[in-house]
Protein backbone atom coordinates (compact mmCIF):
# COMPACT_ATOMS: atom_id res chain seq x y z
CA GLN A 1 95.40 55.82 -63.87
CA ARG A 2 91.67 56.37 -63.36
CA ARG A 3 91.78 54.22 -60.22
CA LYS A 4 94.74 56.24 -58.89
CA ASP A 5 92.87 59.47 -59.64
CA GLU A 6 89.75 58.18 -57.87
CA ASP A 7 91.83 57.16 -54.84
CA LYS A 8 93.45 60.60 -54.77
CA ILE A 9 90.05 62.31 -54.97
CA ARG A 10 88.71 60.07 -52.20
CA GLN A 11 91.78 60.84 -50.07
CA LEU A 12 91.43 64.61 -50.59
CA SER A 13 87.68 64.48 -49.91
CA LYS A 14 88.27 62.60 -46.66
CA GLY A 15 90.94 65.13 -45.66
CA ILE A 16 88.61 68.07 -46.29
CA GLU A 17 85.71 66.38 -44.51
CA GLN A 18 87.84 65.68 -41.43
CA SER A 19 89.61 69.06 -41.43
CA PRO A 20 89.70 70.95 -38.11
CA ALA A 21 88.74 74.07 -40.11
CA ALA A 22 85.30 74.70 -41.56
CA VAL A 23 85.33 74.42 -45.35
CA VAL A 24 82.69 75.98 -47.60
CA ILE A 25 82.59 75.77 -51.39
CA THR A 26 80.24 78.09 -53.29
CA ASP A 27 79.37 78.73 -56.90
CA LEU A 28 80.18 82.03 -58.59
CA ASP A 29 77.12 83.70 -57.02
CA GLY A 30 78.10 82.65 -53.49
CA LYS A 31 75.51 79.85 -53.25
CA ILE A 32 76.73 77.04 -51.04
CA GLU A 33 77.49 73.76 -52.81
CA TYR A 34 79.51 72.03 -50.08
CA VAL A 35 80.23 72.35 -46.37
CA ASN A 36 82.23 69.93 -44.25
CA SER A 37 81.09 68.63 -40.86
CA ARG A 38 83.25 71.17 -39.00
CA PHE A 39 81.16 73.96 -40.57
CA THR A 40 78.05 72.45 -38.99
CA GLU A 41 79.82 72.04 -35.62
CA VAL A 42 80.94 75.68 -35.55
CA THR A 43 77.88 77.41 -36.99
CA GLY A 44 75.10 75.06 -35.91
CA HIS A 45 73.69 75.19 -39.45
CA PRO A 46 72.92 71.67 -40.75
CA LYS A 47 74.30 70.80 -44.20
CA ASP A 48 70.87 70.19 -45.72
CA LYS A 49 69.61 73.61 -44.57
CA VAL A 50 72.49 75.61 -46.11
CA MET A 51 72.88 73.91 -49.50
CA GLY A 52 71.93 76.31 -52.27
CA LYS A 53 71.72 79.25 -49.85
CA VAL A 54 73.96 82.29 -50.21
CA MET A 55 76.69 82.68 -47.56
CA ARG A 56 74.67 85.65 -46.28
CA ILE A 57 73.08 83.33 -43.68
CA LEU A 58 76.10 84.01 -41.46
CA LYS A 59 76.10 87.76 -42.05
CA PRO A 60 75.04 89.35 -38.74
CA GLY A 61 74.94 92.93 -40.01
CA ILE A 62 78.07 93.94 -38.10
CA THR A 63 80.53 93.75 -40.99
CA PRO A 64 80.32 96.84 -43.19
CA PRO A 65 79.05 96.31 -46.76
CA GLU A 66 82.26 97.90 -48.08
CA LEU A 67 84.23 94.91 -46.75
CA TYR A 68 81.97 92.46 -48.58
CA ASN A 69 82.41 94.52 -51.76
CA GLN A 70 86.19 94.41 -51.28
CA ILE A 71 86.10 90.62 -50.76
CA TRP A 72 84.03 90.05 -53.91
CA SER A 73 86.27 92.36 -55.91
CA THR A 74 89.38 90.52 -54.68
CA ILE A 75 88.17 86.97 -55.32
CA LYS A 76 86.47 87.78 -58.63
CA GLY A 77 89.85 89.21 -59.68
CA GLY A 78 91.38 85.77 -59.10
CA ASN A 79 93.10 86.66 -55.82
CA ASP A 80 92.90 85.23 -52.31
CA TRP A 81 91.29 87.21 -49.49
CA LYS A 82 92.24 86.73 -45.83
CA GLY A 83 90.71 88.37 -42.78
CA GLU A 84 88.47 88.02 -39.75
CA PHE A 85 84.70 88.05 -39.37
CA TYR A 86 82.36 88.39 -36.44
CA ASN A 87 79.60 85.97 -37.45
CA LYS A 88 76.38 84.54 -36.13
CA ARG A 89 75.60 80.90 -35.38
CA ALA A 90 72.22 79.24 -35.94
CA ASP A 91 71.40 79.80 -32.23
CA ASN A 92 72.02 83.56 -32.70
CA SER A 93 75.23 83.50 -30.64
CA TYR A 94 78.23 85.26 -32.13
CA TYR A 95 81.72 84.00 -32.84
CA TRP A 96 84.97 85.20 -34.41
CA GLU A 97 86.50 83.38 -37.33
CA ASP A 98 89.71 83.68 -39.30
CA VAL A 99 88.81 83.28 -42.97
CA SER A 100 90.69 82.62 -46.18
CA ILE A 101 88.66 82.75 -49.40
CA SER A 102 90.16 81.64 -52.69
CA PRO A 103 88.86 81.21 -56.23
CA ILE A 104 88.88 77.70 -57.71
CA THR A 105 89.76 77.61 -61.41
CA ASP A 106 89.30 75.04 -64.12
CA TYR A 107 92.06 73.75 -66.40
CA LYS A 108 91.69 76.86 -68.61
CA GLY A 109 92.13 79.22 -65.63
CA ALA A 110 88.48 80.33 -65.51
CA ILE A 111 86.99 80.74 -62.02
CA THR A 112 84.34 78.09 -61.39
CA HIS A 113 83.88 78.19 -57.59
CA TYR A 114 85.10 79.80 -54.39
CA ILE A 115 86.43 77.98 -51.35
CA ALA A 116 86.43 79.44 -47.84
CA ILE A 117 88.58 77.94 -45.09
CA LYS A 118 87.31 79.20 -41.73
CA GLU A 119 88.76 78.75 -38.26
CA ASP A 120 86.82 79.61 -35.09
CA ILE A 121 89.08 82.02 -33.16
CA THR A 122 86.56 83.15 -30.52
CA ASP A 123 88.58 81.73 -27.62
CA ARG A 124 91.79 83.30 -28.96
CA LYS A 125 90.09 86.70 -29.27
CA LYS A 126 88.66 86.36 -25.76
CA MET A 127 92.11 85.49 -24.38
CA ILE A 128 93.67 88.49 -26.15
CA ASP A 129 90.97 90.79 -24.72
CA GLU A 130 91.60 89.35 -21.24
CA LEU A 131 95.36 89.86 -21.62
CA ILE A 132 94.84 93.46 -22.72
CA LEU A 133 92.57 94.09 -19.73
CA ALA A 134 95.07 92.44 -17.35
CA LYS A 135 97.87 94.57 -18.82
CA GLU A 136 95.82 97.75 -18.38
CA GLN A 137 95.01 96.78 -14.79
CA ALA A 138 98.68 96.01 -14.06
CA GLU A 139 99.69 99.39 -15.50
CA GLU A 140 97.05 101.11 -13.33
CA VAL A 141 98.28 99.26 -10.22
CA SER A 142 101.86 100.26 -11.07
CA ARG A 143 100.80 103.90 -11.51
CA ILE A 144 98.92 103.87 -8.19
CA LYS A 145 101.89 102.22 -6.45
CA SER A 146 104.29 104.85 -7.83
CA SER A 147 101.94 107.63 -6.73
CA LEU A 148 101.57 106.08 -3.29
CA LEU A 149 105.32 105.71 -2.87
CA ALA A 150 105.89 109.31 -3.98
CA ASN A 151 103.27 110.55 -1.49
CA MET A 152 104.66 108.36 1.30
CA SER A 153 108.19 109.55 0.56
CA HIS A 154 107.06 113.17 0.78
CA GLU A 155 105.00 112.56 3.94
CA ILE A 156 107.89 110.78 5.67
CA ARG A 157 110.63 113.16 4.49
CA THR A 158 109.18 116.27 6.15
CA PRO A 159 108.98 114.96 9.75
CA LEU A 160 112.22 112.99 9.30
CA ASN A 161 114.03 116.19 8.35
CA GLY A 162 112.70 117.74 11.56
CA ILE A 163 113.91 114.79 13.64
CA LEU A 164 117.38 114.74 12.06
CA GLY A 165 117.74 118.54 12.17
CA PHE A 166 116.80 118.93 15.81
CA ALA A 167 118.78 115.81 16.79
CA ALA A 168 121.84 117.50 15.26
CA LEU A 169 121.04 120.72 17.19
CA LEU A 170 120.99 118.71 20.46
CA LYS A 171 124.71 118.03 19.93
CA GLU A 172 125.47 121.75 20.08
CA PRO A 173 127.46 122.62 23.21
CA GLY A 174 126.08 125.12 25.66
CA LEU A 175 122.37 124.43 25.20
CA THR A 176 120.16 125.29 28.10
CA GLY A 177 117.86 122.66 29.55
CA GLU A 178 114.90 124.59 28.25
CA GLU A 179 116.31 124.62 24.69
CA GLN A 180 117.08 120.89 24.90
CA ASN A 181 113.52 120.14 26.09
CA GLY A 182 112.12 122.27 23.23
CA TYR A 183 114.22 120.36 20.66
CA ILE A 184 113.26 117.02 22.21
CA SER A 185 109.59 118.03 22.10
CA ILE A 186 109.87 118.93 18.41
CA ILE A 187 111.64 115.55 17.74
CA GLU A 188 108.82 113.69 19.51
CA LYS A 189 106.12 115.58 17.56
CA SER A 190 107.94 114.88 14.27
CA GLY A 191 108.27 111.21 15.23
CA THR A 192 104.55 111.01 15.97
CA ARG A 193 103.79 112.64 12.61
């Protein structure tokens, strides 16, 4: 049974280490006790430099303190917290991450540690921002097109009414040559307009 348990632990450890998400385990005070290799890839912080440090090393000062208070209140209460952070890498570049933080309990139900599963969503956020911008630009183009068509319709309608009206008057019987020439002149001017 012990061998089976050790194999299971080894299997789970390997799974966490090779996870595509960054995994961080802290003690009750938020001091880091474990990070997987994905954490180092995403943040640029080497494992040996973060062990024993408080998770604050990623806190760029953008997230309001009230949110951190809410997170601590939630996880200390034995509940999971899920949300997004705008964090800072070791090279001072910023990235977005989707985070799930859960308490780890012992066999008696007492909280012993916290585990954070973090996924880098910077590219997804960038794509969403680009889609929103493209949508806004498309709406602006559509508005301009509608305005242009309305203006063109108005600009064409006025001279076209003149052409059609005076063309109809040319059909009237008994027009003098001078009247016909006047109507034709107005039709030509409207056509030029």
